[in-house]
Amino acid sequence: MAQPNWWILLVAAFIPLIVAHLWYGQLFKSLWLETAEITEERSNSGHLSKILGLSYLYSLSAAYIICMFAVHQTSIFQLFMGDPALSDTSSEIYKDYNNFMSSYGDRHRSFFHGIIHGFE
């Protein structure tokens, strides 16, 4: 199976935190506080490390799930996933899967194809 690039996922999980900081903390903070009817003191009263930690974990899980949907090679693996012959190196399924992945395993794995999925 095509393994996700864990370093990229760990970095990508920070993007929603950065966007939220810019959106709610810099650009529209006063408008957000006014609309939500929250005072400045109340907005600063939460446990920041807990909020950021959980937000990062949720963002990391979302990045992993999106990666599994966006990388087309995982769909090929899922076709044979329940078949015990996939782990048997002498089986036809194992050979067919590996031949297919060696021929087409790198298709649609580019930065620009990722941009297309980003705009979906």
C-alpha atoms as a PDB file:
ATOM      1  CA  MET A   1       0.000   0.000   0.000  1.00  0.00           C
ATOM      2  CA  ALA A   2       1.178   3.523  -0.716  1.00  0.00           C
ATOM      3  CA  GLN A   3       2.207   4.971   2.623  1.00  0.00           C
ATOM      4  CA  PRO A   4       1.383   8.598   3.397  1.00  0.00           C
ATOM      5  CA  ASN A   5       4.223  11.028   3.885  1.00  0.00           C
ATOM      6  CA  TRP A   6       3.964  11.512   7.651  1.00  0.00           C
ATOM      7  CA  TRP A   7       6.249  14.549   7.707  1.00  0.00           C
ATOM      8  CA  ILE A   8       3.993  16.352   5.252  1.00  0.00           C
ATOM      9  CA  LEU A   9       0.898  15.386   7.252  1.00  0.00           C
ATOM     10  CA  LEU A  10       2.466  16.647  10.483  1.00  0.00           C
ATOM     11  CA  VAL A  11       3.253  19.982   8.819  1.00  0.00           C
ATOM     12  CA  ALA A  12      -0.089  20.189   6.999  1.00  0.00           C
ATOM     13  CA  ALA A  13      -1.943  19.778  10.300  1.00  0.00           C
ATOM     14  CA  PHE A  14      -0.605  23.181  11.359  1.00  0.00           C
ATOM     15  CA  ILE A  15      -2.262  24.984   8.425  1.00  0.00           C
ATOM     16  CA  PRO A  16      -5.764  25.184   9.994  1.00  0.00           C
ATOM     17  CA  LEU A  17      -4.213  26.499  13.219  1.00  0.00           C
ATOM     18  CA  ILE A  18      -2.359  29.210  11.330  1.00  0.00           C
ATOM     19  CA  VAL A  19      -5.432  30.168   9.298  1.00  0.00           C
ATOM     20  CA  ALA A  20      -7.601  30.275  12.440  1.00  0.00           C
ATOM     21  CA  HIS A  21      -5.021  32.441  14.199  1.00  0.00           C
ATOM     22  CA  LEU A  22      -4.985  34.890  11.312  1.00  0.00           C
ATOM     23  CA  TRP A  23      -8.761  34.855  10.863  1.00  0.00           C
ATOM     24  CA  TYR A  24      -9.938  34.984  14.482  1.00  0.00           C
ATOM     25  CA  GLY A  25      -6.880  36.448  16.157  1.00  0.00           C
ATOM     26  CA  GLN A  26      -5.666  39.103  13.747  1.00  0.00           C
ATOM     27  CA  LEU A  27      -8.020  40.046  10.919  1.00  0.00           C
ATOM     28  CA  PHE A  28     -11.532  39.770  12.368  1.00  0.00           C
ATOM     29  CA  LYS A  29     -10.996  39.433  16.114  1.00  0.00           C
ATOM     30  CA  SER A  30     -13.136  42.393  17.169  1.00  0.00           C
ATOM     31  CA  LEU A  31     -15.916  41.485  14.725  1.00  0.00           C
ATOM     32  CA  TRP A  32     -15.858  37.868  15.907  1.00  0.00           C
ATOM     33  CA  LEU A  33     -16.007  38.866  19.583  1.00  0.00           C
ATOM     34  CA  GLU A  34     -18.861  41.273  18.901  1.00  0.00           C
ATOM     35  CA  THR A  35     -20.869  38.778  16.832  1.00  0.00           C
ATOM     36  CA  ALA A  36     -20.383  35.942  19.328  1.00  0.00           C
ATOM     37  CA  GLU A  37     -21.116  38.361  22.209  1.00  0.00           C
ATOM     38  CA  ILE A  38     -17.914  37.361  23.985  1.00  0.00           C
ATOM     39  CA  THR A  39     -15.719  39.692  26.000  1.00  0.00           C
ATOM     40  CA  GLU A  40     -11.960  39.851  25.540  1.00  0.00           C
ATOM     41  CA  GLU A  41     -11.431  38.439  29.050  1.00  0.00           C
ATOM     42  CA  ARG A  42     -13.723  35.475  28.395  1.00  0.00           C
ATOM     43  CA  SER A  43     -11.984  34.663  25.116  1.00  0.00           C
ATOM     44  CA  ASN A  44      -8.634  34.494  26.928  1.00  0.00           C
ATOM     45  CA  SER A  45      -9.932  32.386  29.837  1.00  0.00           C
ATOM     46  CA  GLY A  46      -9.671  28.960  28.140  1.00  0.00           C
ATOM     47  CA  HIS A  47      -6.869  26.442  28.518  1.00  0.00           C
ATOM     48  CA  LEU A  48      -4.797  27.391  25.489  1.00  0.00           C
ATOM     49  CA  SER A  49      -2.535  24.325  25.517  1.00  0.00           C
ATOM     50  CA  LYS A  50      -5.540  21.981  25.675  1.00  0.00           C
ATOM     51  CA  ILE A  51      -7.363  23.875  22.916  1.00  0.00           C
ATOM     52  CA  LEU A  52      -4.330  23.978  20.627  1.00  0.00           C
ATOM     53  CA  GLY A  53      -3.364  20.373  21.339  1.00  0.00           C
ATOM     54  CA  LEU A  54      -6.814  18.989  20.584  1.00  0.00           C
ATOM     55  CA  SER A  55      -7.165  21.246  17.541  1.00  0.00           C
ATOM     56  CA  TYR A  56      -3.845  19.929  16.230  1.00  0.00           C
ATOM     57  CA  LEU A  57      -4.896  16.302  16.782  1.00  0.00           C
ATOM     58  CA  TYR A  58      -8.215  16.884  15.002  1.00  0.00           C
ATOM     59  CA  SER A  59      -6.406  18.634  12.186  1.00  0.00           C
ATOM     60  CA  LEU A  60      -3.910  15.772  11.914  1.00  0.00           C
ATOM     61  CA  SER A  61      -6.693  13.198  11.700  1.00  0.00           C
ATOM     62  CA  ALA A  62      -8.472  15.300   9.058  1.00  0.00           C
ATOM     63  CA  ALA A  63      -5.237  15.578   7.057  1.00  0.00           C
ATOM     64  CA  TYR A  64      -4.785  11.791   7.193  1.00  0.00           C
ATOM     65  CA  ILE A  65      -8.380  11.120   6.107  1.00  0.00           C
ATOM     66  CA  ILE A  66      -8.126  13.613   3.251  1.00  0.00           C
ATOM     67  CA  CYS A  67      -4.864  11.962   2.199  1.00  0.00           C
ATOM     68  CA  MET A  68      -6.579   8.569   2.080  1.00  0.00           C
ATOM     69  CA  PHE A  69      -9.341   9.970  -0.139  1.00  0.00           C
ATOM     70  CA  ALA A  70      -7.082  12.050  -2.361  1.00  0.00           C
ATOM     71  CA  VAL A  71      -4.367   9.444  -3.043  1.00  0.00           C
ATOM     72  CA  HIS A  72      -5.921   7.220  -5.674  1.00  0.00           C
ATOM     73  CA  GLN A  73      -3.595   4.287  -4.993  1.00  0.00           C
ATOM     74  CA  THR A  74      -5.317   3.609  -1.651  1.00  0.00           C
ATOM     75  CA  SER A  75      -8.478   2.694  -3.570  1.00  0.00           C
ATOM     76  CA  ILE A  76      -6.613  -0.079  -5.368  1.00  0.00           C
ATOM     77  CA  PHE A  77      -5.385  -1.434  -2.040  1.00  0.00           C
ATOM     78  CA  GLN A  78      -8.928  -1.305  -0.632  1.00  0.00           C
ATOM     79  CA  LEU A  79     -10.193  -3.571  -3.406  1.00  0.00           C
ATOM     80  CA  PHE A  80      -8.091  -6.450  -2.073  1.00  0.00           C
ATOM     81  CA  MET A  81      -7.826  -5.431   1.583  1.00  0.00           C
ATOM     82  CA  GLY A  82     -10.106  -8.146   2.980  1.00  0.00           C
ATOM     83  CA  ASP A  83      -8.521 -10.930   0.970  1.00  0.00           C
ATOM     84  CA  PRO A  84      -5.980 -12.963   2.970  1.00  0.00           C
ATOM     85  CA  ALA A  85      -4.157 -13.814  -0.276  1.00  0.00           C
ATOM     86  CA  LEU A  86      -2.877 -10.224  -0.427  1.00  0.00           C
ATOM     87  CA  SER A  87      -0.348 -10.992   2.304  1.00  0.00           C
ATOM     88  CA  ASP A  88       0.716 -14.286   0.677  1.00  0.00           C
ATOM     89  CA  THR A  89       3.712 -13.441  -1.532  1.00  0.00           C
ATOM     90  CA  SER A  90       3.073 -16.413  -3.835  1.00  0.00           C
ATOM     91  CA  SER A  91      -0.588 -15.580  -4.592  1.00  0.00           C
ATOM     92  CA  GLU A  92      -1.837 -14.113  -7.854  1.00  0.00           C
ATOM     93  CA  ILE A  93      -3.513 -11.179  -6.094  1.00  0.00           C
ATOM     94  CA  TYR A  94      -0.233 -10.221  -4.427  1.00  0.00           C
ATOM     95  CA  LYS A  95       1.631 -10.411  -7.747  1.00  0.00           C
ATOM     96  CA  ASP A  96      -1.080  -8.528  -9.652  1.00  0.00           C
ATOM     97  CA  TYR A  97      -1.256  -5.815  -7.012  1.00  0.00           C
ATOM     98  CA  ASN A  98       2.517  -5.329  -6.956  1.00  0.00           C
ATOM     99  CA  ASN A  99       2.739  -5.350 -10.766  1.00  0.00           C
ATOM    100  CA  PHE A 100      -0.014  -2.762 -10.978  1.00  0.00           C
ATOM    101  CA  MET A 101       1.625  -0.566  -8.325  1.00  0.00           C
ATOM    102  CA  SER A 102       5.036  -0.822  -9.983  1.00  0.00           C
ATOM    103  CA  SER A 103       3.501   0.283 -13.298  1.00  0.00           C
ATOM    104  CA  TYR A 104       1.005   2.908 -12.132  1.00  0.00           C
ATOM    105  CA  GLY A 105       1.823   3.580  -8.464  1.00  0.00           C
ATOM    106  CA  ASP A 106       3.167   7.087  -9.050  1.00  0.00           C
ATOM    107  CA  ARG A 107       0.314   8.348 -11.229  1.00  0.00           C
ATOM    108  CA  HIS A 108      -1.480  11.448  -9.993  1.00  0.00           C
ATOM    109  CA  ARG A 109       1.044  11.937  -7.192  1.00  0.00           C
ATOM    110  CA  SER A 110       2.195  15.430  -7.961  1.00  0.00           C
ATOM    111  CA  PHE A 111       1.882  18.823  -6.343  1.00  0.00           C
ATOM    112  CA  PHE A 112      -0.421  20.102  -9.088  1.00  0.00           C
ATOM    113  CA  HIS A 113      -2.752  17.131  -8.827  1.00  0.00           C
ATOM    114  CA  GLY A 114      -2.928  17.831  -5.091  1.00  0.00           C
ATOM    115  CA  ILE A 115      -3.933  21.410  -5.864  1.00  0.00           C
ATOM    116  CA  ILE A 116      -6.832  20.068  -7.937  1.00  0.00           C
ATOM    117  CA  HIS A 117      -8.038  18.069  -4.934  1.00  0.00           C
ATOM    118  CA  GLY A 118      -7.560  21.107  -2.732  1.00  0.00           C
ATOM    119  CA  PHE A 119     -10.007  23.086  -4.827  1.00  0.00           C
ATOM    120  CA  GLU A 120     -12.647  20.334  -4.847  1.00  0.00           C
END
